[in-house]
């Protein structure tokens, strides 16, 4: 069973805060490691986090293009 939606969003936000522009690479590496390990539940969880991270990045790109940039660290 996947974590609930709020937990997945919290994970995506934390990954973004910790890894900044490298967040997509970090998530891809994590999914790859889990695939090698055969952890299907872990893969599904991290794919769900990746989806939310992508949505965050798209929202951030839209805000940046409108002049309302979010701070990235």
Protein backbone atom coordinates (compact mmCIF):
# COMPACT_ATOMS: atom_id res chain seq x y z
CA UNK A 1 0.00 0.00 0.00
CA UNK A 2 1.30 3.44 -0.92
CA UNK A 3 1.61 6.22 1.64
CA UNK A 4 -1.32 8.63 1.58
CA UNK A 5 -1.34 11.65 -0.70
CA UNK A 6 -0.23 14.11 1.99
CA UNK A 7 2.77 11.95 2.88
CA UNK A 8 3.77 11.68 -0.79
CA UNK A 9 3.57 15.47 -1.20
CA UNK A 10 5.61 15.93 1.98
CA UNK A 11 8.26 13.56 0.61
CA UNK A 12 8.37 15.40 -2.73
CA UNK A 13 8.78 18.74 -0.97
CA UNK A 14 11.53 17.38 1.25
CA UNK A 15 13.42 15.88 -1.70
CA UNK A 16 13.13 19.22 -3.50
CA UNK A 17 14.46 21.09 -0.46
CA UNK A 18 17.36 18.70 0.09
CA UNK A 19 18.40 18.16 -3.52
CA UNK A 20 17.21 21.27 -5.37
CA UNK A 21 17.87 21.02 -9.11
CA UNK A 22 19.34 17.53 -8.60
CA UNK A 23 16.07 16.19 -7.14
CA UNK A 24 14.91 14.44 -10.35
CA UNK A 25 18.28 12.67 -10.64
CA UNK A 26 18.15 11.65 -6.98
CA UNK A 27 14.66 10.17 -7.42
CA UNK A 28 15.66 8.36 -10.63
CA UNK A 29 18.69 6.84 -8.88
CA UNK A 30 16.52 5.78 -5.95
CA UNK A 31 14.02 4.09 -8.29
CA UNK A 32 16.90 2.36 -10.07
CA UNK A 33 18.33 1.06 -6.80
CA UNK A 34 14.92 -0.26 -5.78
CA UNK A 35 14.46 -1.92 -9.18
CA UNK A 36 17.78 -3.73 -8.78
CA UNK A 37 16.63 -4.85 -5.33
CA UNK A 38 13.26 -6.00 -6.72
CA UNK A 39 11.29 -3.77 -4.34
CA UNK A 40 8.07 -3.21 -6.27
CA UNK A 41 6.35 -1.31 -3.43
CA UNK A 42 9.34 1.00 -3.07
CA UNK A 43 9.39 1.60 -6.82
CA UNK A 44 5.69 2.48 -6.80
CA UNK A 45 6.17 4.86 -3.86
CA UNK A 46 9.11 6.67 -5.47
CA UNK A 47 7.32 6.89 -8.82
CA UNK A 48 4.43 8.57 -6.99
CA UNK A 49 6.90 10.97 -5.36
CA UNK A 50 8.49 11.61 -8.79
CA UNK A 51 5.06 12.48 -10.21
CA UNK A 52 4.48 15.03 -7.46
CA UNK A 53 7.98 16.44 -7.83
CA UNK A 54 7.29 16.90 -11.54
CA UNK A 55 4.07 18.75 -10.70
CA UNK A 56 5.97 20.98 -8.28
CA UNK A 57 8.55 21.77 -10.93
CA UNK A 58 5.89 22.56 -13.53
CA UNK A 59 4.11 24.86 -11.08
CA UNK A 60 7.43 26.51 -10.22
CA UNK A 61 8.27 26.96 -13.91
CA UNK A 62 4.92 28.60 -14.54
CA UNK A 63 5.42 30.94 -11.58
CA UNK A 64 8.99 31.75 -12.67
CA UNK A 65 7.84 32.65 -16.15
CA UNK A 66 5.22 34.97 -14.67
CA UNK A 67 7.85 36.68 -12.50
CA UNK A 68 6.93 34.97 -9.21
CA UNK A 69 10.00 32.79 -8.66
CA UNK A 70 10.18 30.40 -5.73
CA UNK A 71 13.38 30.28 -3.74
CA UNK A 72 15.36 27.11 -4.43
CA UNK A 73 18.15 25.95 -2.17
